[in-house]
């Protein structure tokens, strides 16, 4: 094992550059898709109704702060459960479809 020659000044194979290009391309595609989703979401935000928005925000903030504090100081499992529960807020009221009298 001691007789391994180290070659200096070599080049990376072309496959490495192809993979890097694919990784950057996939990352750029994901970022663009998220920007399009965010744009669509912002267009339709006026159609959404969140009941008791301030109360839901307060509960969400309390769950996140408590969860992160527990993860850092005491219990990873309980903290993660609280942070995951915070992901269910805000709850939106479902749109009621009006029936047409045919």
N, C-alpha and C. Protein backbone atom coordinates (compact mmCIF):
# COMPACT_ATOMS: atom_id res chain seq x y z
N UNK A 1 0.81 -1.19 0.00
CA UNK A 1 0.00 0.00 0.00
C UNK A 1 0.85 1.26 0.00
N UNK A 2 2.04 1.16 0.41
CA UNK A 2 2.91 2.31 0.48
C UNK A 2 3.45 2.73 -0.88
N UNK A 3 3.28 1.91 -1.89
CA UNK A 3 3.83 2.20 -3.21
C UNK A 3 2.79 2.76 -4.18
N UNK A 4 1.88 3.58 -3.67
CA UNK A 4 0.85 4.17 -4.52
C UNK A 4 1.38 5.50 -5.05
N UNK A 5 1.37 5.64 -6.33
CA UNK A 5 1.86 6.88 -6.94
C UNK A 5 0.74 7.91 -6.99
N UNK A 6 1.06 9.12 -6.57
CA UNK A 6 0.11 10.22 -6.61
C UNK A 6 0.41 11.05 -7.83
N UNK A 7 -0.56 11.19 -8.67
CA UNK A 7 -0.38 11.95 -9.90
C UNK A 7 -0.83 13.38 -9.69
N UNK A 8 0.03 14.33 -9.96
CA UNK A 8 -0.29 15.74 -9.75
C UNK A 8 -0.54 16.41 -11.09
N UNK A 9 -1.45 17.40 -11.05
CA UNK A 9 -1.70 18.19 -12.25
C UNK A 9 -2.64 17.53 -13.24
N UNK A 10 -3.37 16.52 -12.81
CA UNK A 10 -4.30 15.86 -13.72
C UNK A 10 -5.59 16.66 -13.89
N UNK A 11 -6.45 16.19 -14.75
CA UNK A 11 -7.73 16.85 -15.02
C UNK A 11 -8.87 15.97 -14.53
N UNK A 12 -9.98 16.62 -14.25
CA UNK A 12 -11.18 15.87 -13.89
C UNK A 12 -11.80 15.29 -15.14
N UNK A 13 -12.39 14.11 -15.03
CA UNK A 13 -13.06 13.54 -16.20
C UNK A 13 -14.25 14.41 -16.60
N UNK A 14 -14.61 14.34 -17.86
CA UNK A 14 -15.74 15.12 -18.37
C UNK A 14 -17.05 14.76 -17.69
N UNK A 15 -17.16 13.52 -17.22
CA UNK A 15 -18.38 13.06 -16.55
C UNK A 15 -18.65 13.89 -15.29
N UNK A 16 -17.60 14.33 -14.60
CA UNK A 16 -17.76 15.15 -13.39
C UNK A 16 -18.43 16.47 -13.75
N UNK A 17 -18.00 17.09 -14.84
CA UNK A 17 -18.60 18.35 -15.26
C UNK A 17 -20.04 18.16 -15.71
N UNK A 18 -20.32 17.05 -16.36
CA UNK A 18 -21.70 16.76 -16.78
C UNK A 18 -22.61 16.61 -15.56
N UNK A 19 -22.14 15.88 -14.55
CA UNK A 19 -22.95 15.71 -13.33
C UNK A 19 -23.15 17.03 -12.61
N UNK A 20 -22.10 17.85 -12.52
CA UNK A 20 -22.25 19.15 -11.87
C UNK A 20 -23.26 20.01 -12.62
N UNK A 21 -23.22 19.97 -13.93
CA UNK A 21 -24.18 20.73 -14.73
C UNK A 21 -25.61 20.23 -14.49
N UNK A 22 -25.76 18.91 -14.38
CA UNK A 22 -27.09 18.34 -14.10
C UNK A 22 -27.58 18.74 -12.71
N UNK A 23 -26.69 18.72 -11.72
CA UNK A 23 -27.08 19.12 -10.36
C UNK A 23 -27.51 20.59 -10.33
N UNK A 24 -26.72 21.45 -10.95
CA UNK A 24 -27.07 22.87 -10.97
C UNK A 24 -28.35 23.11 -11.77
N UNK A 25 -28.52 22.39 -12.86
CA UNK A 25 -29.73 22.53 -13.66
C UNK A 25 -30.98 22.08 -12.90
N UNK A 26 -30.86 20.95 -12.19
CA UNK A 26 -32.00 20.47 -11.40
C UNK A 26 -32.32 21.44 -10.27
N UNK A 27 -31.30 21.98 -9.63
CA UNK A 27 -31.52 22.95 -8.56
C UNK A 27 -32.18 24.22 -9.09
N UNK A 28 -31.72 24.69 -10.22
CA UNK A 28 -32.31 25.88 -10.83
C UNK A 28 -33.76 25.62 -11.23
N UNK A 29 -34.04 24.44 -11.75
CA UNK A 29 -35.41 24.08 -12.12
C UNK A 29 -36.32 24.07 -10.89
N UNK A 30 -35.84 23.50 -9.79
CA UNK A 30 -36.65 23.47 -8.57
C UNK A 30 -36.92 24.87 -8.05
N UNK A 31 -35.91 25.74 -8.09
CA UNK A 31 -36.10 27.12 -7.64
C UNK A 31 -37.13 27.83 -8.52
N UNK A 32 -37.04 27.65 -9.83
CA UNK A 32 -37.99 28.28 -10.74
C UNK A 32 -39.41 27.77 -10.52
N UNK A 33 -39.55 26.46 -10.29
CA UNK A 33 -40.88 25.92 -10.02
C UNK A 33 -41.47 26.49 -8.74
N UNK A 34 -40.64 26.67 -7.72
CA UNK A 34 -41.14 27.25 -6.48
C UNK A 34 -41.53 28.71 -6.66
N UNK A 35 -40.78 29.44 -7.47
CA UNK A 35 -41.14 30.83 -7.73
C UNK A 35 -42.47 30.91 -8.48
N UNK A 36 -42.69 30.03 -9.43
CA UNK A 36 -43.97 30.01 -10.14
C UNK A 36 -45.13 29.64 -9.21
N UNK A 37 -44.89 28.69 -8.31
CA UNK A 37 -45.92 28.30 -7.34
C UNK A 37 -46.23 29.46 -6.41
N UNK A 38 -45.20 30.16 -5.94
CA UNK A 38 -45.40 31.31 -5.07
C UNK A 38 -46.17 32.41 -5.78
N UNK A 39 -45.87 32.63 -7.04
CA UNK A 39 -46.57 33.64 -7.82
C UNK A 39 -48.05 33.30 -7.98
N UNK A 40 -48.34 32.03 -8.26
CA UNK A 40 -49.73 31.59 -8.39
C UNK A 40 -50.46 31.71 -7.05
N UNK A 41 -49.77 31.36 -5.97
CA UNK A 41 -50.37 31.44 -4.64
C UNK A 41 -50.71 32.89 -4.30
N UNK A 42 -49.80 33.82 -4.61
CA UNK A 42 -50.04 35.23 -4.29
C UNK A 42 -51.20 35.81 -5.10
N UNK A 43 -51.40 35.31 -6.33
CA UNK A 43 -52.51 35.79 -7.14
C UNK A 43 -53.85 35.39 -6.53
N UNK A 44 -53.90 34.20 -5.94
CA UNK A 44 -55.17 33.69 -5.40
C UNK A 44 -55.32 33.93 -3.91
N UNK A 45 -54.48 34.73 -3.29
CA UNK A 45 -54.53 34.91 -1.84
C UNK A 45 -55.80 35.65 -1.41
N UNK A 46 -56.34 36.50 -2.27
CA UNK A 46 -57.54 37.25 -1.90
C UNK A 46 -58.77 36.34 -1.82
N UNK A 47 -58.72 35.16 -2.40
CA UNK A 47 -59.86 34.26 -2.39
C UNK A 47 -59.88 33.37 -1.14
N UNK A 48 -58.85 33.45 -0.33
CA UNK A 48 -58.77 32.60 0.85
C UNK A 48 -59.28 33.32 2.08
N UNK A 49 -59.90 32.56 2.96
CA UNK A 49 -60.37 33.11 4.22
C UNK A 49 -59.83 32.24 5.35
N UNK A 50 -59.12 32.87 6.26
CA UNK A 50 -58.57 32.17 7.42
C UNK A 50 -59.34 32.66 8.65
N UNK A 51 -60.17 31.81 9.24
CA UNK A 51 -60.91 32.24 10.43
C UNK A 51 -59.98 32.39 11.63
N UNK A 52 -60.19 33.43 12.41
CA UNK A 52 -59.40 33.72 13.61
C UNK A 52 -57.90 33.71 13.27
N UNK A 53 -57.54 34.52 12.32
CA UNK A 53 -56.15 34.51 11.82
C UNK A 53 -55.15 34.87 12.90
N UNK A 54 -55.45 35.87 13.72
CA UNK A 54 -54.50 36.28 14.77
C UNK A 54 -54.32 35.18 15.81
N UNK A 55 -55.40 34.53 16.17
CA UNK A 55 -55.30 33.45 17.16
C UNK A 55 -54.51 32.28 16.58
N UNK A 56 -54.75 31.96 15.33
CA UNK A 56 -54.01 30.87 14.70
C UNK A 56 -52.52 31.21 14.59
N UNK A 57 -52.22 32.47 14.28
CA UNK A 57 -50.81 32.87 14.22
C UNK A 57 -50.16 32.78 15.59
N UNK A 58 -50.87 33.19 16.62
CA UNK A 58 -50.31 33.12 17.98
C UNK A 58 -50.05 31.67 18.38
N UNK A 59 -50.98 30.78 18.07
CA UNK A 59 -50.79 29.36 18.38
C UNK A 59 -49.63 28.79 17.58
N UNK A 60 -49.54 29.16 16.31
CA UNK A 60 -48.44 28.69 15.47
C UNK A 60 -47.10 29.15 16.02
N UNK A 61 -47.01 30.44 16.36
CA UNK A 61 -45.76 30.98 16.89
C UNK A 61 -45.39 30.30 18.21
N UNK A 62 -46.36 30.07 19.08
CA UNK A 62 -46.08 29.41 20.35
C UNK A 62 -45.59 27.98 20.13
N UNK A 63 -46.21 27.26 19.21
CA UNK A 63 -45.76 25.90 18.92
C UNK A 63 -44.34 25.87 18.37
N UNK A 64 -44.03 26.79 17.47
CA UNK A 64 -42.69 26.81 16.89
C UNK A 64 -41.65 27.18 17.94
N UNK A 65 -41.91 28.21 18.72
CA UNK A 65 -40.94 28.63 19.76
C UNK A 65 -40.77 27.53 20.80
N UNK A 66 -41.86 26.95 21.26
CA UNK A 66 -41.76 25.88 22.25
C UNK A 66 -41.05 24.66 21.67
N UNK A 67 -41.36 24.32 20.43
CA UNK A 67 -40.72 23.17 19.80
C UNK A 67 -39.23 23.35 19.63
N UNK A 68 -38.82 24.51 19.12
CA UNK A 68 -37.39 24.77 18.94
C UNK A 68 -36.68 24.81 20.28
N UNK A 69 -37.30 25.42 21.28
CA UNK A 69 -36.70 25.48 22.61
C UNK A 69 -36.53 24.07 23.18
N UNK A 70 -37.53 23.22 23.03
CA UNK A 70 -37.43 21.85 23.52
C UNK A 70 -36.37 21.05 22.76
N UNK A 71 -36.27 21.26 21.46
CA UNK A 71 -35.25 20.56 20.69
C UNK A 71 -33.86 20.94 21.18
N UNK A 72 -33.65 22.21 21.46
CA UNK A 72 -32.33 22.69 21.88
C UNK A 72 -32.01 22.28 23.31
N UNK A 73 -33.00 22.35 24.20
CA UNK A 73 -32.69 22.19 25.63
C UNK A 73 -33.02 20.83 26.24
N UNK A 74 -34.13 20.22 25.83
CA UNK A 74 -34.57 19.09 26.63
C UNK A 74 -34.85 17.83 25.83
N UNK A 75 -35.84 17.85 24.97
CA UNK A 75 -36.28 16.62 24.33
C UNK A 75 -36.44 16.83 22.83
N UNK A 76 -35.65 16.11 22.08
CA UNK A 76 -35.71 16.20 20.62
C UNK A 76 -37.07 15.73 20.09
N UNK A 77 -37.56 14.61 20.59
CA UNK A 77 -38.80 14.03 20.07
C UNK A 77 -40.00 14.94 20.32
N UNK A 78 -40.16 15.43 21.53
CA UNK A 78 -41.30 16.29 21.85
C UNK A 78 -41.21 17.60 21.08
N UNK A 79 -40.01 18.15 20.98
CA UNK A 79 -39.82 19.38 20.23
C UNK A 79 -40.18 19.22 18.77
N UNK A 80 -39.76 18.11 18.16
CA UNK A 80 -40.10 17.87 16.76
C UNK A 80 -41.59 17.68 16.56
N UNK A 81 -42.24 17.02 17.51
CA UNK A 81 -43.69 16.84 17.42
C UNK A 81 -44.40 18.19 17.44
N UNK A 82 -43.95 19.10 18.31
CA UNK A 82 -44.58 20.43 18.38
C UNK A 82 -44.34 21.21 17.09
N UNK A 83 -43.13 21.15 16.57
CA UNK A 83 -42.85 21.87 15.32
C UNK A 83 -43.67 21.27 14.17
N UNK A 84 -43.80 19.96 14.12
CA UNK A 84 -44.62 19.34 13.08
C UNK A 84 -46.09 19.70 13.23
N UNK A 85 -46.57 19.79 14.47
CA UNK A 85 -47.97 20.21 14.69
C UNK A 85 -48.20 21.64 14.20
N UNK A 86 -47.18 22.48 14.30
CA UNK A 86 -47.31 23.86 13.84
C UNK A 86 -47.53 23.93 12.33
N UNK A 87 -47.15 22.89 11.62
CA UNK A 87 -47.30 22.90 10.17
C UNK A 87 -48.76 22.78 9.73
N UNK A 88 -49.64 22.41 10.65
CA UNK A 88 -51.06 22.30 10.32
C UNK A 88 -51.78 23.64 10.40
N UNK A 89 -51.10 24.69 10.79
CA UNK A 89 -51.70 26.01 10.90
C UNK A 89 -51.15 26.89 9.79
N UNK A 90 -51.86 27.81 9.25
CA UNK A 90 -53.24 28.16 9.55
C UNK A 90 -54.22 27.23 8.83
N UNK A 91 -55.32 27.02 9.45
CA UNK A 91 -56.40 26.23 8.86
C UNK A 91 -57.30 27.19 8.11
N UNK A 92 -57.70 26.79 6.93
CA UNK A 92 -58.58 27.62 6.11
C UNK A 92 -59.96 27.02 6.05
N UNK A 93 -60.90 27.88 5.90
CA UNK A 93 -62.27 27.43 5.72
C UNK A 93 -62.41 26.94 4.29
N UNK A 94 -63.02 25.77 4.13
CA UNK A 94 -63.23 25.23 2.78
C UNK A 94 -64.25 26.06 2.03
N UNK A 95 -64.02 26.22 0.76
CA UNK A 95 -64.96 26.98 -0.07
C UNK A 95 -66.25 26.19 -0.21
N UNK A 96 -67.35 26.84 -0.03
CA UNK A 96 -68.67 26.20 -0.17
C UNK A 96 -69.13 26.40 -1.59
N UNK A 97 -69.42 25.31 -2.25
CA UNK A 97 -69.88 25.39 -3.64
C UNK A 97 -71.39 25.69 -3.62
N UNK A 98 -71.78 26.71 -4.37
CA UNK A 98 -73.19 27.06 -4.43
C UNK A 98 -73.88 26.15 -5.44
N UNK A 99 -75.02 25.63 -5.03
CA UNK A 99 -75.79 24.77 -5.93
C UNK A 99 -76.64 25.63 -6.85
N UNK A 100 -76.70 25.21 -8.07
CA UNK A 100 -77.55 25.93 -9.01
C UNK A 100 -78.87 25.19 -9.14
N UNK A 101 -79.93 25.94 -9.21
CA UNK A 101 -81.27 25.32 -9.29
C UNK A 101 -81.63 25.00 -10.74
N UNK A 102 -81.25 23.83 -11.20
CA UNK A 102 -81.58 23.43 -12.58
C UNK A 102 -82.88 22.69 -12.63
